[in-house]
Amino acid sequence: MKEKMITGITPSGEMTLGNYLGAIKRAVEFQDEYELYVFIANLHAITIPQDKEILRKNTKEIAALYFACGLDPQKSTVFLQSDVLEHAQLGWILNTQSSIGELSRMTQFKDKSSKTKAQSKDYIPAGLFTYPTLMAADILMYDAKFVPVGIDQKQHVELTRDLAIRVNNKYGTVFQIPEPLISKDKIKIMDLQDPTKKMSKSSTNQKAIIYMLDEPKVIEAKIKAAITDSENLIKYDPKNKPGVANLMTIYTTLKKITIKEAEKHWQGKNYKDLKDDVTAALIETLKPIQQRYKQLYNSPEVEQWLKDAATKAQYEARKKLNKVQNALGLNYNRK
């Protein structure tokens, strides 16, 4: 039997190139090797205030893009988090097994709460503090052995492991202990306008981000305006030439070549050549995905695939939740 793996993306904005190269592309590759569960984390999205219509739009777009990027409903279980109510129920149970100290040490809470506080005049939603226990529930629900994450998300998997071990020690073995699966390549796509920061869909600068649905002319303009430096030397040096290194990372990842091969390709060339090549590679990659997306966006197929996957996920989730509730004494008169 294949080992289980789970991953998800929050529909808090449009899907970016960073999301695709850092997570979705990897998930497509993993679906042949693992029993893959992929969820759209809309419950996580509402940890900060959302416009309901924008949230619906983002959720619909991400669902269609998942399949347009190559996730196969026959190989992967792709569903909406809110369609499987057991996630929230197990999240609450794990909330009772965690401590304030553990949750307060989460770096993402510190980052997001400071931004939310600045934007909302001291209003910090409690969900920002407790959402790691829901994330733990997402992972532990399906006995996932592996969780593909970036280095910035490793802390969440470590907390999940701690909670699983704690519950198992108190109540008997009910959870599989998951492992973070961090890419050896450590692909990290940076902001085009500030290449010292990770490309993020929460950025307020539209020139800083390549979105998966950007048209060719928009992509060309964004890459043309991408920050480099005055040296006009194409060399991979993330510390001293972060903008150039970022463009090289995008190109080599899309073209599946090494940095050394890329440096040889650009030997004697200038930044215009670099940006022209990156633009061409992006358009070549995104064009078929966008075409498939347009076919799927309003099709009944996506809705049916999500519904079927949610039914399968809910069946597995109900079994796990019953096991946990029995272990904790929450099921009346059952052993």
C-alpha atoms as a PDB file:
ATOM      1  CA  MET A   1       0.000   0.000   0.000  1.00  0.00           C
ATOM      2  CA  LYS A   2       1.093   3.565  -0.699  1.00  0.00           C
ATOM      3  CA  GLU A   3       2.045   5.831   2.207  1.00  0.00           C
ATOM      4  CA  LYS A   4      -0.425   8.654   2.834  1.00  0.00           C
ATOM      5  CA  MET A   5       0.437  12.299   2.278  1.00  0.00           C
ATOM      6  CA  ILE A   6      -1.603  15.453   2.886  1.00  0.00           C
ATOM      7  CA  THR A   7      -1.229  19.035   1.740  1.00  0.00           C
ATOM      8  CA  GLY A   8      -3.437  22.119   1.419  1.00  0.00           C
ATOM      9  CA  ILE A   9      -3.566  25.722   0.293  1.00  0.00           C
ATOM     10  CA  THR A  10      -5.483  28.605   1.853  1.00  0.00           C
ATOM     11  CA  PRO A  11      -7.810  30.524  -0.521  1.00  0.00           C
ATOM     12  CA  SER A  12      -6.945  33.894   1.004  1.00  0.00           C
ATOM     13  CA  GLY A  13      -5.872  35.290  -2.348  1.00  0.00           C
ATOM     14  CA  GLU A  14      -5.176  34.384  -5.951  1.00  0.00           C
ATOM     15  CA  MET A  15      -2.764  31.510  -6.575  1.00  0.00           C
ATOM     16  CA  THR A  16       0.765  32.726  -7.264  1.00  0.00           C
ATOM     17  CA  LEU A  17       3.744  31.313  -9.100  1.00  0.00           C
ATOM     18  CA  GLY A  18       5.287  30.702  -5.679  1.00  0.00           C
ATOM     19  CA  ASN A  19       2.306  28.543  -4.681  1.00  0.00           C
ATOM     20  CA  TYR A  20       2.609  26.578  -7.899  1.00  0.00           C
ATOM     21  CA  LEU A  21       6.349  25.922  -7.872  1.00  0.00           C
ATOM     22  CA  GLY A  22       6.590  25.498  -4.107  1.00  0.00           C
ATOM     23  CA  ALA A  23       3.545  23.281  -3.530  1.00  0.00           C
ATOM     24  CA  ILE A  24       1.170  22.452  -6.400  1.00  0.00           C
ATOM     25  CA  LYS A  25       3.801  21.232  -8.872  1.00  0.00           C
ATOM     26  CA  ARG A  26       5.243  18.984  -6.186  1.00  0.00           C
ATOM     27  CA  ALA A  27       1.797  17.631  -5.309  1.00  0.00           C
ATOM     28  CA  VAL A  28       1.189  16.688  -8.942  1.00  0.00           C
ATOM     29  CA  GLU A  29       4.458  14.758  -8.906  1.00  0.00           C
ATOM     30  CA  PHE A  30       3.634  13.088  -5.574  1.00  0.00           C
ATOM     31  CA  GLN A  31       0.209  11.746  -6.622  1.00  0.00           C
ATOM     32  CA  ASP A  32       1.749   8.766  -8.420  1.00  0.00           C
ATOM     33  CA  GLU A  33       3.935   7.834  -5.464  1.00  0.00           C
ATOM     34  CA  TYR A  34       1.620   8.460  -2.490  1.00  0.00           C
ATOM     35  CA  GLU A  35      -2.031   8.213  -1.524  1.00  0.00           C
ATOM     36  CA  LEU A  36      -2.498  11.952  -1.711  1.00  0.00           C
ATOM     37  CA  TYR A  37      -5.081  14.077   0.136  1.00  0.00           C
ATOM     38  CA  VAL A  38      -5.274  17.703  -1.011  1.00  0.00           C
ATOM     39  CA  PHE A  39      -7.653  20.170   0.616  1.00  0.00           C
ATOM     40  CA  ILE A  40      -8.607  23.789   0.054  1.00  0.00           C
ATOM     41  CA  ALA A  41      -8.179  25.264   3.529  1.00  0.00           C
ATOM     42  CA  ASN A  42     -11.134  27.657   3.616  1.00  0.00           C
ATOM     43  CA  LEU A  43     -11.552  27.263   7.388  1.00  0.00           C
ATOM     44  CA  HIS A  44      -8.000  28.532   7.787  1.00  0.00           C
ATOM     45  CA  ALA A  45      -8.783  31.449   5.474  1.00  0.00           C
ATOM     46  CA  ILE A  46     -11.339  32.890   7.906  1.00  0.00           C
ATOM     47  CA  THR A  47      -8.810  33.224  10.722  1.00  0.00           C
ATOM     48  CA  ILE A  48      -8.547  36.761   9.360  1.00  0.00           C
ATOM     49  CA  PRO A  49     -11.556  38.774   8.107  1.00  0.00           C
ATOM     50  CA  GLN A  50     -12.655  37.820   4.573  1.00  0.00           C
ATOM     51  CA  ASP A  51     -15.134  39.273   2.113  1.00  0.00           C
ATOM     52  CA  LYS A  52     -17.473  36.330   1.514  1.00  0.00           C
ATOM     53  CA  GLU A  53     -17.779  36.831  -2.244  1.00  0.00           C
ATOM     54  CA  ILE A  54     -14.017  37.171  -2.688  1.00  0.00           C
ATOM     55  CA  LEU A  55     -13.512  34.034  -0.585  1.00  0.00           C
ATOM     56  CA  ARG A  56     -15.977  32.114  -2.788  1.00  0.00           C
ATOM     57  CA  LYS A  57     -14.236  33.389  -5.926  1.00  0.00           C
ATOM     58  CA  ASN A  58     -10.771  32.473  -4.650  1.00  0.00           C
ATOM     59  CA  THR A  59     -11.970  29.027  -3.574  1.00  0.00           C
ATOM     60  CA  LYS A  60     -13.530  28.337  -6.974  1.00  0.00           C
ATOM     61  CA  GLU A  61     -10.411  29.545  -8.781  1.00  0.00           C
ATOM     62  CA  ILE A  62      -8.058  27.436  -6.679  1.00  0.00           C
ATOM     63  CA  ALA A  63     -10.208  24.326  -7.133  1.00  0.00           C
ATOM     64  CA  ALA A  64     -10.151  24.713 -10.914  1.00  0.00           C
ATOM     65  CA  LEU A  65      -6.426  25.514 -10.893  1.00  0.00           C
ATOM     66  CA  TYR A  66      -5.614  22.429  -8.821  1.00  0.00           C
ATOM     67  CA  PHE A  67      -6.999  20.229 -11.581  1.00  0.00           C
ATOM     68  CA  ALA A  68      -5.710  22.456 -14.392  1.00  0.00           C
ATOM     69  CA  CYS A  69      -2.191  22.118 -12.972  1.00  0.00           C
ATOM     70  CA  GLY A  70      -2.417  18.336 -13.216  1.00  0.00           C
ATOM     71  CA  LEU A  71      -4.013  16.914 -10.077  1.00  0.00           C
ATOM     72  CA  ASP A  72      -5.997  13.868 -11.174  1.00  0.00           C
ATOM     73  CA  PRO A  73      -9.296  13.179  -9.346  1.00  0.00           C
ATOM     74  CA  GLN A  74      -8.683   9.472  -9.974  1.00  0.00           C
ATOM     75  CA  LYS A  75      -5.342   9.597  -8.174  1.00  0.00           C
ATOM     76  CA  SER A  76      -5.780  12.367  -5.566  1.00  0.00           C
ATOM     77  CA  THR A  77      -8.504  13.158  -3.041  1.00  0.00           C
ATOM     78  CA  VAL A  78      -9.111  16.889  -3.577  1.00  0.00           C
ATOM     79  CA  PHE A  79     -11.791  18.479  -1.368  1.00  0.00           C
ATOM     80  CA  LEU A  80     -12.943  21.564   0.513  1.00  0.00           C
ATOM     81  CA  GLN A  81     -11.923  21.569   4.157  1.00  0.00           C
ATOM     82  CA  SER A  82     -15.328  22.920   5.243  1.00  0.00           C
ATOM     83  CA  ASP A  83     -17.102  19.990   3.529  1.00  0.00           C
ATOM     84  CA  VAL A  84     -15.589  17.615   6.102  1.00  0.00           C
ATOM     85  CA  LEU A  85     -16.897  18.854   9.438  1.00  0.00           C
ATOM     86  CA  GLU A  86     -14.747  16.389  11.346  1.00  0.00           C
ATOM     87  CA  HIS A  87     -11.730  18.653  10.756  1.00  0.00           C
ATOM     88  CA  ALA A  88     -13.195  21.324  13.004  1.00  0.00           C
ATOM     89  CA  GLN A  89     -14.294  18.795  15.624  1.00  0.00           C
ATOM     90  CA  LEU A  90     -10.884  17.157  15.866  1.00  0.00           C
ATOM     91  CA  GLY A  91      -9.338  20.625  15.829  1.00  0.00           C
ATOM     92  CA  TRP A  92     -11.245  21.470  19.010  1.00  0.00           C
ATOM     93  CA  ILE A  93     -10.187  18.233  20.689  1.00  0.00           C
ATOM     94  CA  LEU A  94      -6.535  18.964  19.893  1.00  0.00           C
ATOM     95  CA  ASN A  95      -7.052  22.513  21.125  1.00  0.00           C
ATOM     96  CA  THR A  96      -7.745  21.038  24.560  1.00  0.00           C
ATOM     97  CA  GLN A  97      -4.522  19.026  24.393  1.00  0.00           C
ATOM     98  CA  SER A  98      -2.266  21.981  23.578  1.00  0.00           C
ATOM     99  CA  SER A  99      -0.906  24.743  25.787  1.00  0.00           C
ATOM    100  CA  ILE A 100      -0.875  28.523  25.565  1.00  0.00           C
ATOM    101  CA  GLY A 101       2.906  28.413  25.674  1.00  0.00           C
ATOM    102  CA  GLU A 102       3.133  26.147  22.643  1.00  0.00           C
ATOM    103  CA  LEU A 103       0.745  28.247  20.582  1.00  0.00           C
ATOM    104  CA  SER A 104       2.325  31.549  21.573  1.00  0.00           C
ATOM    105  CA  ARG A 105       5.696  30.355  20.292  1.00  0.00           C
ATOM    106  CA  MET A 106       4.419  29.847  16.751  1.00  0.00           C
ATOM    107  CA  THR A 107       6.287  32.315  14.546  1.00  0.00           C
ATOM    108  CA  GLN A 108       3.457  32.596  12.013  1.00  0.00           C
ATOM    109  CA  PHE A 109       1.112  33.791  14.773  1.00  0.00           C
ATOM    110  CA  LYS A 110       3.586  36.494  15.728  1.00  0.00           C
ATOM    111  CA  ASP A 111       3.970  37.633  12.116  1.00  0.00           C
ATOM    112  CA  LYS A 112       0.293  37.534  11.145  1.00  0.00           C
ATOM    113  CA  SER A 113      -1.004  39.006  14.408  1.00  0.00           C
ATOM    114  CA  SER A 114       1.314  42.004  14.163  1.00  0.00           C
ATOM    115  CA  LYS A 115       0.114  42.695  10.604  1.00  0.00           C
ATOM    116  CA  THR A 116      -3.549  42.208  11.534  1.00  0.00           C
ATOM    117  CA  LYS A 117      -3.180  44.431  14.595  1.00  0.00           C
ATOM    118  CA  ALA A 118      -1.729  47.223  12.467  1.00  0.00           C
ATOM    119  CA  GLN A 119      -4.516  46.906   9.891  1.00  0.00           C
ATOM    120  CA  SER A 120      -7.457  46.413  12.260  1.00  0.00           C
ATOM    121  CA  LYS A 121      -6.666  48.753  15.164  1.00  0.00           C
ATOM    122  CA  ASP A 122      -5.699  46.179  17.813  1.00  0.00           C
ATOM    123  CA  TYR A 123      -8.252  43.553  16.683  1.00  0.00           C
ATOM    124  CA  ILE A 124      -6.504  40.156  16.656  1.00  0.00           C
ATOM    125  CA  PRO A 125      -8.825  37.204  15.942  1.00  0.00           C
ATOM    126  CA  ALA A 126      -8.471  34.285  18.361  1.00  0.00           C
ATOM    127  CA  GLY A 127      -8.352  31.964  15.344  1.00  0.00           C
ATOM    128  CA  LEU A 128      -4.891  33.308  14.496  1.00  0.00           C
ATOM    129  CA  PHE A 129      -3.703  31.965  17.840  1.00  0.00           C
ATOM    130  CA  THR A 130      -5.431  28.563  17.770  1.00  0.00           C
ATOM    131  CA  TYR A 131      -5.334  27.634  14.082  1.00  0.00           C
ATOM    132  CA  PRO A 132      -2.224  25.398  14.482  1.00  0.00           C
ATOM    133  CA  THR A 133      -4.421  22.869  16.294  1.00  0.00           C
ATOM    134  CA  LEU A 134      -6.804  22.823  13.321  1.00  0.00           C
ATOM    135  CA  MET A 135      -3.791  22.343  11.068  1.00  0.00           C
ATOM    136  CA  ALA A 136      -2.744  19.440  13.280  1.00  0.00           C
ATOM    137  CA  ALA A 137      -6.215  17.956  12.881  1.00  0.00           C
ATOM    138  CA  ASP A 138      -5.967  18.302   9.097  1.00  0.00           C
ATOM    139  CA  ILE A 139      -2.799  16.216   9.160  1.00  0.00           C
ATOM    140  CA  LEU A 140      -3.678  13.631  11.812  1.00  0.00           C
ATOM    141  CA  MET A 141      -7.176  12.946  10.491  1.00  0.00           C
ATOM    142  CA  TYR A 142      -5.987  10.740   7.639  1.00  0.00           C
ATOM    143  CA  ASP A 143      -2.944   9.040   9.209  1.00  0.00           C
ATOM    144  CA  ALA A 144      -0.698  10.973   6.852  1.00  0.00           C
ATOM    145  CA  LYS A 145       2.882   9.761   7.043  1.00  0.00           C
ATOM    146  CA  PHE A 146       4.284  12.744   5.138  1.00  0.00           C
ATOM    147  CA  VAL A 147       3.470  16.443   4.942  1.00  0.00           C
ATOM    148  CA  PRO A 148       5.264  18.390   2.183  1.00  0.00           C
ATOM    149  CA  VAL A 149       6.086  21.798   3.636  1.00  0.00           C
ATOM    150  CA  GLY A 150       8.463  24.678   3.222  1.00  0.00           C
ATOM    151  CA  ILE A 151      10.949  25.404   5.975  1.00  0.00           C
ATOM    152  CA  ASP A 152       8.631  28.163   7.300  1.00  0.00           C
ATOM    153  CA  GLN A 153       5.869  25.593   7.924  1.00  0.00           C
ATOM    154  CA  LYS A 154       8.048  22.959   9.586  1.00  0.00           C
ATOM    155  CA  GLN A 155       7.158  24.332  13.022  1.00  0.00           C
ATOM    156  CA  HIS A 156       3.496  23.433  12.474  1.00  0.00           C
ATOM    157  CA  VAL A 157       4.363  19.818  11.701  1.00  0.00           C
ATOM    158  CA  GLU A 158       6.583  19.691  14.789  1.00  0.00           C
ATOM    159  CA  LEU A 159       3.654  20.874  16.934  1.00  0.00           C
ATOM    160  CA  THR A 160       1.424  18.275  15.247  1.00  0.00           C
ATOM    161  CA  ARG A 161       3.930  15.560  16.142  1.00  0.00           C
ATOM    162  CA  ASP A 162       4.083  16.765  19.760  1.00  0.00           C
ATOM    163  CA  LEU A 163       0.282  16.711  20.072  1.00  0.00           C
ATOM    164  CA  ALA A 164       0.010  13.267  18.473  1.00  0.00           C
ATOM    165  CA  ILE A 165       2.643  11.812  20.798  1.00  0.00           C
ATOM    166  CA  ARG A 166       0.972  13.450  23.798  1.00  0.00           C
ATOM    167  CA  VAL A 167      -2.456  12.036  22.961  1.00  0.00           C
ATOM    168  CA  ASN A 168      -1.006   8.597  22.198  1.00  0.00           C
ATOM    169  CA  ASN A 169       0.823   8.527  25.538  1.00  0.00           C
ATOM    170  CA  LYS A 170      -2.276   9.607  27.487  1.00  0.00           C
ATOM    171  CA  TYR A 171      -4.997   7.603  25.785  1.00  0.00           C
ATOM    172  CA  GLY A 172      -3.388   4.857  23.705  1.00  0.00           C
ATOM    173  CA  THR A 173      -2.209   4.904  20.123  1.00  0.00           C
ATOM    174  CA  VAL A 174      -4.739   6.714  17.969  1.00  0.00           C
ATOM    175  CA  PHE A 175      -2.510   8.837  15.715  1.00  0.00           C
ATOM    176  CA  GLN A 176       0.159   8.176  13.126  1.00  0.00           C
ATOM    177  CA  ILE A 177       3.204  10.376  13.811  1.00  0.00           C
ATOM    178  CA  PRO A 178       3.742  12.463  10.647  1.00  0.00           C
ATOM    179  CA  GLU A 179       7.023  13.530   9.099  1.00  0.00           C
ATOM    180  CA  PRO A 180       7.672  16.896   7.411  1.00  0.00           C
ATOM    181  CA  LEU A 181       8.837  16.395   3.840  1.00  0.00           C
ATOM    182  CA  ILE A 182      10.983  19.370   2.921  1.00  0.00           C
ATOM    183  CA  SER A 183      12.140  19.649  -0.672  1.00  0.00           C
ATOM    184  CA  LYS A 184      15.850  18.974  -1.146  1.00  0.00           C
ATOM    185  CA  ASP A 185      15.858  21.724  -3.750  1.00  0.00           C
ATOM    186  CA  LYS A 186      14.367  24.202  -1.242  1.00  0.00           C
ATOM    187  CA  ILE A 187      12.620  26.125  -4.014  1.00  0.00           C
ATOM    188  CA  LYS A 188      11.692  29.570  -2.753  1.00  0.00           C
ATOM    189  CA  ILE A 189      10.267  32.162  -5.135  1.00  0.00           C
ATOM    190  CA  MET A 190      10.911  35.700  -3.964  1.00  0.00           C
ATOM    191  CA  ASP A 191       9.058  39.002  -4.322  1.00  0.00           C
ATOM    192  CA  LEU A 192       9.885  40.628  -7.681  1.00  0.00           C
ATOM    193  CA  GLN A 193      10.075  44.104  -6.146  1.00  0.00           C
ATOM    194  CA  ASP A 194      11.762  43.113  -2.883  1.00  0.00           C
ATOM    195  CA  PRO A 195      13.706  39.897  -3.538  1.00  0.00           C
ATOM    196  CA  THR A 196      14.677  39.628   0.120  1.00  0.00           C
ATOM    197  CA  LYS A 197      11.079  38.604   0.880  1.00  0.00           C
ATOM    198  CA  LYS A 198       9.135  35.515  -0.191  1.00  0.00           C
ATOM    199  CA  MET A 199       6.557  36.022  -2.953  1.00  0.00           C
ATOM    200  CA  SER A 200       3.202  36.179  -1.142  1.00  0.00           C
ATOM    201  CA  LYS A 201      -0.383  36.476  -2.324  1.00  0.00           C
ATOM    202  CA  SER A 202      -0.964  38.856   0.584  1.00  0.00           C
ATOM    203  CA  SER A 203       1.402  41.450  -0.916  1.00  0.00           C
ATOM    204  CA  THR A 204      -0.157  44.833  -1.687  1.00  0.00           C
ATOM    205  CA  ASN A 205       2.214  45.450  -4.596  1.00  0.00           C
ATOM    206  CA  GLN A 206       0.784  43.775  -7.692  1.00  0.00           C
ATOM    207  CA  LYS A 207       4.085  44.196  -9.564  1.00  0.00           C
ATOM    208  CA  ALA A 208       5.743  41.980  -6.979  1.00  0.00           C
ATOM    209  CA  ILE A 209       3.785  38.831  -7.781  1.00  0.00           C
ATOM    210  CA  ILE A 210       3.229  36.552 -10.761  1.00  0.00           C
ATOM    211  CA  TYR A 211      -0.280  35.123 -10.547  1.00  0.00           C
ATOM    212  CA  MET A 212      -1.128  31.849 -12.246  1.00  0.00           C
ATOM    213  CA  LEU A 213      -3.836  33.585 -14.276  1.00  0.00           C
ATOM    214  CA  ASP A 214      -1.759  36.579 -15.385  1.00  0.00           C
ATOM    215  CA  GLU A 215      -1.970  37.205 -19.123  1.00  0.00           C
ATOM    216  CA  PRO A 216       1.252  37.178 -21.220  1.00  0.00           C
ATOM    217  CA  LYS A 217       1.429  40.996 -21.482  1.00  0.00           C
ATOM    218  CA  VAL A 218       1.062  41.312 -17.711  1.00  0.00           C
ATOM    219  CA  ILE A 219       3.780  38.713 -17.110  1.00  0.00           C
ATOM    220  CA  GLU A 220       6.088  40.504 -19.523  1.00  0.00           C
ATOM    221  CA  ALA A 221       5.550  43.849 -17.777  1.00  0.00           C
ATOM    222  CA  LYS A 222       6.129  42.391 -14.298  1.00  0.00           C
ATOM    223  CA  ILE A 223       9.337  40.606 -15.243  1.00  0.00           C
ATOM    224  CA  LYS A 224      10.579  43.667 -17.100  1.00  0.00           C
ATOM    225  CA  ALA A 225      10.042  45.735 -13.935  1.00  0.00           C
ATOM    226  CA  ALA A 226      11.606  43.109 -11.633  1.00  0.00           C
ATOM    227  CA  ILE A 227      14.372  44.443  -9.394  1.00  0.00           C
ATOM    228  CA  THR A 228      17.903  43.363 -10.328  1.00  0.00           C
ATOM    229  CA  ASP A 229      21.030  45.511  -9.798  1.00  0.00           C
ATOM    230  CA  SER A 230      23.391  47.761 -11.759  1.00  0.00           C
ATOM    231  CA  GLU A 231      26.124  45.194 -12.433  1.00  0.00           C
ATOM    232  CA  ASN A 232      24.447  43.634 -15.513  1.00  0.00           C
ATOM    233  CA  LEU A 233      26.245  40.353 -14.757  1.00  0.00           C
ATOM    234  CA  ILE A 234      24.135  37.163 -14.710  1.00  0.00           C
ATOM    235  CA  LYS A 235      25.465  35.212 -11.764  1.00  0.00           C
ATOM    236  CA  TYR A 236      23.719  33.183  -9.046  1.00  0.00           C
ATOM    237  CA  ASP A 237      24.481  35.011  -5.803  1.00  0.00           C
ATOM    238  CA  PRO A 238      21.370  35.183  -3.551  1.00  0.00           C
ATOM    239  CA  LYS A 239      23.158  37.258  -0.901  1.00  0.00           C
ATOM    240  CA  ASN A 240      24.587  39.995  -3.098  1.00  0.00           C
ATOM    241  CA  LYS A 241      22.350  39.677  -6.169  1.00  0.00           C
ATOM    242  CA  PRO A 242      18.960  38.494  -4.796  1.00  0.00           C
ATOM    243  CA  GLY A 243      16.888  39.855  -7.688  1.00  0.00           C
ATOM    244  CA  VAL A 244      19.009  38.166 -10.342  1.00  0.00           C
ATOM    245  CA  ALA A 245      19.161  34.943  -8.305  1.00  0.00           C
ATOM    246  CA  ASN A 246      15.363  34.944  -8.010  1.00  0.00           C
ATOM    247  CA  LEU A 247      14.865  35.256 -11.774  1.00  0.00           C
ATOM    248  CA  MET A 248      17.402  32.484 -12.304  1.00  0.00           C
ATOM    249  CA  THR A 249      15.568  30.267  -9.808  1.00  0.00           C
ATOM    250  CA  ILE A 250      12.286  30.796 -11.649  1.00  0.00           C
ATOM    251  CA  TYR A 251      13.857  29.955 -14.992  1.00  0.00           C
ATOM    252  CA  THR A 252      15.820  26.888 -13.872  1.00  0.00           C
ATOM    253  CA  THR A 253      12.814  25.466 -12.018  1.00  0.00           C
ATOM    254  CA  LEU A 254      10.515  25.901 -15.011  1.00  0.00           C
ATOM    255  CA  LYS A 255      13.066  24.566 -17.509  1.00  0.00           C
ATOM    256  CA  LYS A 256      14.314  21.798 -15.184  1.00  0.00           C
ATOM    257  CA  ILE A 257      17.986  22.694 -15.575  1.00  0.00           C
ATOM    258  CA  THR A 258      20.763  23.383 -13.072  1.00  0.00           C
ATOM    259  CA  ILE A 259      22.079  26.773 -12.039  1.00  0.00           C
ATOM    260  CA  LYS A 260      25.423  25.920 -13.669  1.00  0.00           C
ATOM    261  CA  GLU A 261      23.674  25.138 -16.944  1.00  0.00           C
ATOM    262  CA  ALA A 262      21.781  28.421 -16.720  1.00  0.00           C
ATOM    263  CA  GLU A 263      24.927  30.455 -15.995  1.00  0.00           C
ATOM    264  CA  LYS A 264      26.565  28.866 -19.038  1.00  0.00           C
ATOM    265  CA  HIS A 265      23.491  29.663 -21.145  1.00  0.00           C
ATOM    266  CA  TRP A 266      23.661  33.355 -20.132  1.00  0.00           C
ATOM    267  CA  GLN A 267      27.422  33.749 -20.325  1.00  0.00           C
ATOM    268  CA  GLY A 268      28.188  37.035 -22.063  1.00  0.00           C
ATOM    269  CA  LYS A 269      24.535  38.093 -22.022  1.00  0.00           C
ATOM    270  CA  ASN A 270      22.771  40.871 -20.119  1.00  0.00           C
ATOM    271  CA  TYR A 271      19.726  41.366 -17.886  1.00  0.00           C
ATOM    272  CA  LYS A 272      17.439  41.994 -20.859  1.00  0.00           C
ATOM    273  CA  ASP A 273      18.304  38.513 -22.132  1.00  0.00           C
ATOM    274  CA  LEU A 274      17.669  37.088 -18.664  1.00  0.00           C
ATOM    275  CA  LYS A 275      14.280  38.764 -18.352  1.00  0.00           C
ATOM    276  CA  ASP A 276      13.253  37.836 -21.909  1.00  0.00           C
ATOM    277  CA  ASP A 277      14.083  34.178 -21.242  1.00  0.00           C
ATOM    278  CA  VAL A 278      12.228  34.144 -17.903  1.00  0.00           C
ATOM    279  CA  THR A 279       9.178  35.750 -19.518  1.00  0.00           C
ATOM    280  CA  ALA A 280       9.154  33.187 -22.334  1.00  0.00           C
ATOM    281  CA  ALA A 281       9.503  30.275 -19.896  1.00  0.00           C
ATOM    282  CA  LEU A 282       6.646  31.584 -17.746  1.00  0.00           C
ATOM    283  CA  ILE A 283       4.284  32.057 -20.687  1.00  0.00           C
ATOM    284  CA  GLU A 284       5.193  28.626 -22.059  1.00  0.00           C
ATOM    285  CA  THR A 285       4.419  27.004 -18.684  1.00  0.00           C
ATOM    286  CA  LEU A 286       1.278  28.947 -17.778  1.00  0.00           C
ATOM    287  CA  LYS A 287      -0.473  29.005 -21.168  1.00  0.00           C
ATOM    288  CA  PRO A 288      -1.681  25.338 -21.160  1.00  0.00           C
ATOM    289  CA  ILE A 289      -2.638  25.590 -17.478  1.00  0.00           C
ATOM    290  CA  GLN A 290      -4.704  28.711 -18.172  1.00  0.00           C
ATOM    291  CA  GLN A 291      -6.386  27.064 -21.159  1.00  0.00           C
ATOM    292  CA  ARG A 292      -7.356  24.028 -19.079  1.00  0.00           C
ATOM    293  CA  TYR A 293      -8.486  26.325 -16.270  1.00  0.00           C
ATOM    294  CA  LYS A 294     -10.909  28.134 -18.597  1.00  0.00           C
ATOM    295  CA  GLN A 295     -12.399  24.788 -19.589  1.00  0.00           C
ATOM    296  CA  LEU A 296     -12.879  23.723 -15.977  1.00  0.00           C
ATOM    297  CA  TYR A 297     -13.878  26.934 -14.202  1.00  0.00           C
ATOM    298  CA  ASN A 298     -17.633  26.733 -14.825  1.00  0.00           C
ATOM    299  CA  SER A 299     -17.822  23.023 -15.593  1.00  0.00           C
ATOM    300  CA  PRO A 300     -19.904  20.643 -13.448  1.00  0.00           C
ATOM    301  CA  GLU A 301     -16.916  18.271 -13.401  1.00  0.00           C
ATOM    302  CA  VAL A 302     -14.995  20.194 -10.743  1.00  0.00           C
ATOM    303  CA  GLU A 303     -18.000  20.383  -8.429  1.00  0.00           C
ATOM    304  CA  GLN A 304     -18.585  16.641  -8.797  1.00  0.00           C
ATOM    305  CA  TRP A 305     -14.920  15.813  -8.222  1.00  0.00           C
ATOM    306  CA  LEU A 306     -14.900  17.889  -5.032  1.00  0.00           C
ATOM    307  CA  LYS A 307     -18.146  16.291  -3.862  1.00  0.00           C
ATOM    308  CA  ASP A 308     -16.916  12.746  -4.479  1.00  0.00           C
ATOM    309  CA  ALA A 309     -13.610  13.460  -2.765  1.00  0.00           C
ATOM    310  CA  ALA A 310     -15.345  15.015   0.249  1.00  0.00           C
ATOM    311  CA  THR A 311     -17.485  11.872   0.597  1.00  0.00           C
ATOM    312  CA  LYS A 312     -14.358   9.705   0.619  1.00  0.00           C
ATOM    313  CA  ALA A 313     -12.527  12.033   3.007  1.00  0.00           C
ATOM    314  CA  GLN A 314     -15.501  12.241   5.356  1.00  0.00           C
ATOM    315  CA  TYR A 315     -15.723   8.445   5.546  1.00  0.00           C
ATOM    316  CA  GLU A 316     -12.075   8.245   6.614  1.00  0.00           C
ATOM    317  CA  ALA A 317     -12.421  11.241   8.930  1.00  0.00           C
ATOM    318  CA  ARG A 318     -15.456   9.803  10.700  1.00  0.00           C
ATOM    319  CA  LYS A 319     -13.558   6.583  11.488  1.00  0.00           C
ATOM    320  CA  LYS A 320     -10.618   8.520  12.909  1.00  0.00           C
ATOM    321  CA  LEU A 321     -12.803  10.874  14.928  1.00  0.00           C
ATOM    322  CA  ASN A 322     -14.739   7.947  16.436  1.00  0.00           C
ATOM    323  CA  LYS A 323     -11.464   6.321  17.455  1.00  0.00           C
ATOM    324  CA  VAL A 324     -10.255   9.533  19.108  1.00  0.00           C
ATOM    325  CA  GLN A 325     -13.574  10.170  20.854  1.00  0.00           C
ATOM    326  CA  ASN A 326     -13.670   6.609  22.166  1.00  0.00           C
ATOM    327  CA  ALA A 327     -10.127   6.983  23.487  1.00  0.00           C
ATOM    328  CA  LEU A 328     -11.033  10.232  25.300  1.00  0.00           C
ATOM    329  CA  GLY A 329     -14.371   8.974  26.630  1.00  0.00           C
ATOM    330  CA  LEU A 330     -16.469  11.339  24.514  1.00  0.00           C
ATOM    331  CA  ASN A 331     -18.717   8.650  22.984  1.00  0.00           C
ATOM    332  CA  TYR A 332     -21.531   7.775  25.368  1.00  0.00           C
ATOM    333  CA  ASN A 333     -21.477   4.189  26.699  1.00  0.00           C
ATOM    334  CA  ARG A 334     -18.914   2.988  24.140  1.00  0.00           C
ATOM    335  CA  LYS A 335     -15.546   1.334  24.574  1.00  0.00           C
END
